């Protein structure tokens, strides 16, 4: 069994929280940060299950197994 390590980005919107895994482009939401995170975890698990069934797991495996990940907040002024 492999351990997949994904990034979770969460932000507040008018009606709840949105959560997204940028490595996979998978998103979910919830009324709280915890709920949005739990829903994202479920969505990622389903995505990986489908990717495996379709023989596409190798395409995303490297981005989910690397321990070297960096995130940053970048501001653009217009």
N, C-alpha and C. Protein backbone atom coordinates (compact mmCIF):
# COMPACT_ATOMS: atom_id res chain seq x y z
N UNK A 1 0.84 -1.18 0.00
CA UNK A 1 0.00 0.00 0.00
C UNK A 1 0.89 1.24 0.00
N UNK A 2 0.59 2.19 -0.87
CA UNK A 2 1.35 3.43 -0.97
C UNK A 2 0.67 4.53 -0.18
N UNK A 3 1.48 5.41 0.33
CA UNK A 3 0.96 6.58 1.05
C UNK A 3 1.05 7.77 0.10
N UNK A 4 -0.06 8.42 -0.12
CA UNK A 4 -0.11 9.59 -0.98
C UNK A 4 -0.24 10.84 -0.12
N UNK A 5 0.59 11.82 -0.40
CA UNK A 5 0.66 13.05 0.38
C UNK A 5 0.27 14.20 -0.53
N UNK A 6 -0.90 14.77 -0.32
CA UNK A 6 -1.36 15.84 -1.20
C UNK A 6 -1.47 17.15 -0.44
N UNK A 7 -1.46 18.23 -1.19
CA UNK A 7 -1.61 19.57 -0.63
C UNK A 7 -3.09 19.91 -0.57
N UNK A 8 -3.50 20.51 0.52
CA UNK A 8 -4.88 20.98 0.66
C UNK A 8 -4.85 22.49 0.87
N UNK A 9 -5.54 23.20 -0.01
CA UNK A 9 -5.67 24.65 0.10
C UNK A 9 -7.13 24.91 0.44
N UNK A 10 -7.36 25.73 1.47
CA UNK A 10 -8.72 26.03 1.91
C UNK A 10 -8.90 27.53 1.98
N UNK A 11 -10.03 28.01 1.47
CA UNK A 11 -10.33 29.43 1.60
C UNK A 11 -11.80 29.66 1.89
N UNK A 12 -12.08 30.80 2.50
CA UNK A 12 -13.44 31.17 2.90
C UNK A 12 -14.13 31.83 1.73
N UNK A 13 -15.36 31.45 1.50
CA UNK A 13 -16.22 32.13 0.54
C UNK A 13 -17.47 32.59 1.27
N UNK A 14 -18.38 33.25 0.59
CA UNK A 14 -19.56 33.79 1.24
C UNK A 14 -20.33 32.74 2.04
N UNK A 15 -20.47 31.56 1.45
CA UNK A 15 -21.27 30.52 2.09
C UNK A 15 -20.44 29.28 2.35
N UNK A 16 -19.48 29.37 3.23
CA UNK A 16 -18.70 28.20 3.60
C UNK A 16 -17.27 28.28 3.15
N UNK A 17 -16.65 27.12 3.09
CA UNK A 17 -15.23 27.00 2.76
C UNK A 17 -15.04 26.09 1.56
N UNK A 18 -14.09 26.46 0.73
CA UNK A 18 -13.72 25.65 -0.43
C UNK A 18 -12.36 25.02 -0.14
N UNK A 19 -12.20 23.77 -0.49
CA UNK A 19 -10.92 23.08 -0.32
C UNK A 19 -10.51 22.52 -1.68
N UNK A 20 -9.21 22.57 -1.96
CA UNK A 20 -8.74 22.11 -3.26
C UNK A 20 -7.38 21.42 -3.12
N UNK A 21 -7.21 20.38 -3.90
CA UNK A 21 -5.93 19.67 -4.03
C UNK A 21 -5.33 20.11 -5.37
N UNK A 22 -4.33 21.01 -5.36
CA UNK A 22 -3.80 21.50 -6.63
C UNK A 22 -3.09 20.44 -7.47
N UNK A 23 -2.53 19.41 -6.84
CA UNK A 23 -1.86 18.37 -7.62
C UNK A 23 -2.81 17.63 -8.55
N UNK A 24 -4.06 17.49 -8.11
CA UNK A 24 -5.04 16.71 -8.88
C UNK A 24 -6.12 17.57 -9.53
N UNK A 25 -6.25 18.82 -9.08
CA UNK A 25 -7.35 19.66 -9.58
C UNK A 25 -8.68 19.25 -8.98
N UNK A 26 -8.65 18.57 -7.84
CA UNK A 26 -9.86 18.10 -7.17
C UNK A 26 -10.26 19.13 -6.12
N UNK A 27 -11.54 19.43 -6.04
CA UNK A 27 -12.02 20.42 -5.07
C UNK A 27 -13.26 19.90 -4.38
N UNK A 28 -13.52 20.48 -3.21
CA UNK A 28 -14.73 20.17 -2.46
C UNK A 28 -15.07 21.39 -1.62
N UNK A 29 -16.00 21.24 -0.70
CA UNK A 29 -16.40 22.36 0.14
C UNK A 29 -17.04 21.85 1.42
N UNK A 30 -17.33 22.79 2.32
CA UNK A 30 -17.99 22.44 3.57
C UNK A 30 -18.37 23.70 4.33
N UNK A 31 -19.16 23.52 5.35
CA UNK A 31 -19.60 24.65 6.17
C UNK A 31 -18.50 25.13 7.11
N UNK A 32 -17.53 24.26 7.42
CA UNK A 32 -16.41 24.59 8.29
C UNK A 32 -15.12 24.16 7.60
N UNK A 33 -13.99 24.65 8.10
CA UNK A 33 -12.70 24.23 7.55
C UNK A 33 -12.54 22.72 7.69
N UNK A 34 -12.88 22.20 8.87
CA UNK A 34 -12.76 20.75 9.09
C UNK A 34 -13.61 19.95 8.13
N UNK A 35 -14.83 20.39 7.91
CA UNK A 35 -15.73 19.68 7.00
C UNK A 35 -15.21 19.77 5.56
N UNK A 36 -14.71 20.93 5.17
CA UNK A 36 -14.16 21.09 3.82
C UNK A 36 -12.95 20.18 3.62
N UNK A 37 -12.11 20.06 4.65
CA UNK A 37 -10.94 19.19 4.57
C UNK A 37 -11.35 17.71 4.49
N UNK A 38 -12.32 17.33 5.30
CA UNK A 38 -12.78 15.94 5.29
C UNK A 38 -13.43 15.59 3.94
N UNK A 39 -14.20 16.52 3.41
CA UNK A 39 -14.83 16.29 2.11
C UNK A 39 -13.79 16.21 1.00
N UNK A 40 -12.72 17.01 1.11
CA UNK A 40 -11.64 16.94 0.12
C UNK A 40 -10.93 15.60 0.21
N UNK A 41 -10.70 15.13 1.42
CA UNK A 41 -10.05 13.83 1.60
C UNK A 41 -10.85 12.73 0.90
N UNK A 42 -12.16 12.77 1.05
CA UNK A 42 -13.02 11.79 0.39
C UNK A 42 -12.96 11.94 -1.13
N UNK A 43 -12.98 13.18 -1.61
CA UNK A 43 -12.94 13.42 -3.05
C UNK A 43 -11.61 12.94 -3.65
N UNK A 44 -10.51 13.18 -2.94
CA UNK A 44 -9.20 12.72 -3.42
C UNK A 44 -9.16 11.19 -3.45
N UNK A 45 -9.68 10.55 -2.41
CA UNK A 45 -9.71 9.08 -2.37
C UNK A 45 -10.50 8.52 -3.54
N UNK A 46 -11.64 9.13 -3.86
CA UNK A 46 -12.45 8.68 -5.00
C UNK A 46 -11.72 8.91 -6.32
N UNK A 47 -11.06 10.04 -6.43
CA UNK A 47 -10.29 10.35 -7.63
C UNK A 47 -9.21 9.29 -7.85
N UNK A 48 -8.47 8.98 -6.78
CA UNK A 48 -7.40 7.99 -6.89
C UNK A 48 -7.94 6.60 -7.20
N UNK A 49 -9.08 6.27 -6.64
CA UNK A 49 -9.72 4.98 -6.93
C UNK A 49 -10.06 4.88 -8.41
N UNK A 50 -10.62 5.95 -8.96
CA UNK A 50 -10.96 5.97 -10.38
C UNK A 50 -9.71 5.97 -11.26
N UNK A 51 -8.70 6.74 -10.86
CA UNK A 51 -7.45 6.78 -11.62
C UNK A 51 -6.81 5.40 -11.69
N UNK A 52 -6.86 4.69 -10.58
CA UNK A 52 -6.30 3.34 -10.56
C UNK A 52 -7.09 2.41 -11.48
N UNK A 53 -8.41 2.49 -11.42
CA UNK A 53 -9.27 1.64 -12.25
C UNK A 53 -9.05 1.91 -13.75
N UNK A 54 -8.72 3.16 -14.07
CA UNK A 54 -8.51 3.54 -15.47
C UNK A 54 -7.05 3.40 -15.91
N UNK A 55 -6.19 2.96 -15.00
CA UNK A 55 -4.79 2.80 -15.32
C UNK A 55 -4.04 4.11 -15.42
N UNK A 56 -4.51 5.14 -14.73
CA UNK A 56 -3.91 6.46 -14.81
C UNK A 56 -3.16 6.88 -13.54
N UNK A 57 -3.07 5.99 -12.58
CA UNK A 57 -2.46 6.33 -11.30
C UNK A 57 -0.99 6.72 -11.46
N UNK A 58 -0.28 6.09 -12.37
CA UNK A 58 1.13 6.43 -12.60
C UNK A 58 1.29 7.88 -13.03
N UNK A 59 0.28 8.43 -13.70
CA UNK A 59 0.37 9.81 -14.18
C UNK A 59 0.40 10.84 -13.05
N UNK A 60 -0.17 10.51 -11.90
CA UNK A 60 -0.23 11.47 -10.79
C UNK A 60 0.61 11.04 -9.59
N UNK A 61 1.14 9.84 -9.63
CA UNK A 61 1.83 9.29 -8.45
C UNK A 61 3.00 10.14 -7.98
N UNK A 62 3.82 10.62 -8.90
CA UNK A 62 5.01 11.39 -8.49
C UNK A 62 4.63 12.64 -7.71
N UNK A 63 3.60 13.34 -8.16
CA UNK A 63 3.21 14.57 -7.46
C UNK A 63 2.62 14.29 -6.08
N UNK A 64 2.18 13.06 -5.84
CA UNK A 64 1.57 12.71 -4.56
C UNK A 64 2.51 11.94 -3.64
N UNK A 65 3.70 11.61 -4.10
CA UNK A 65 4.64 10.87 -3.25
C UNK A 65 5.90 11.67 -2.93
N UNK A 66 6.15 12.75 -3.65
CA UNK A 66 7.33 13.56 -3.36
C UNK A 66 7.18 14.24 -2.00
N UNK A 67 8.26 14.31 -1.28
CA UNK A 67 8.26 14.99 0.02
C UNK A 67 8.69 16.44 -0.13
N UNK A 68 9.08 16.84 -1.32
CA UNK A 68 9.56 18.19 -1.55
C UNK A 68 8.46 19.01 -2.22
N UNK A 69 7.68 19.71 -1.40
CA UNK A 69 6.59 20.55 -1.89
C UNK A 69 6.70 21.92 -1.25
N UNK A 70 6.38 22.92 -2.01
CA UNK A 70 6.47 24.28 -1.53
C UNK A 70 5.19 25.02 -1.88
N UNK A 71 4.69 25.78 -0.96
CA UNK A 71 3.53 26.63 -1.23
C UNK A 71 3.87 28.04 -0.78
N UNK A 72 3.22 29.00 -1.40
CA UNK A 72 3.48 30.38 -1.06
C UNK A 72 2.25 31.22 -1.39
N UNK A 73 2.13 32.30 -0.71
CA UNK A 73 1.08 33.28 -1.01
C UNK A 73 1.74 34.36 -1.84
N UNK A 74 1.18 34.65 -3.00
CA UNK A 74 1.73 35.66 -3.90
C UNK A 74 0.66 36.71 -4.13
N UNK A 75 1.04 37.94 -4.05
CA UNK A 75 0.09 39.05 -4.23
C UNK A 75 0.36 39.76 -5.53
N UNK A 76 -0.69 40.05 -6.28
CA UNK A 76 -0.58 40.81 -7.51
C UNK A 76 -1.40 42.09 -7.34
N UNK A 77 -0.81 43.22 -7.62
CA UNK A 77 -1.50 44.50 -7.52
C UNK A 77 -1.86 44.95 -8.93
N UNK A 78 -3.12 45.32 -9.11
CA UNK A 78 -3.56 45.79 -10.44
C UNK A 78 -4.05 47.20 -10.33
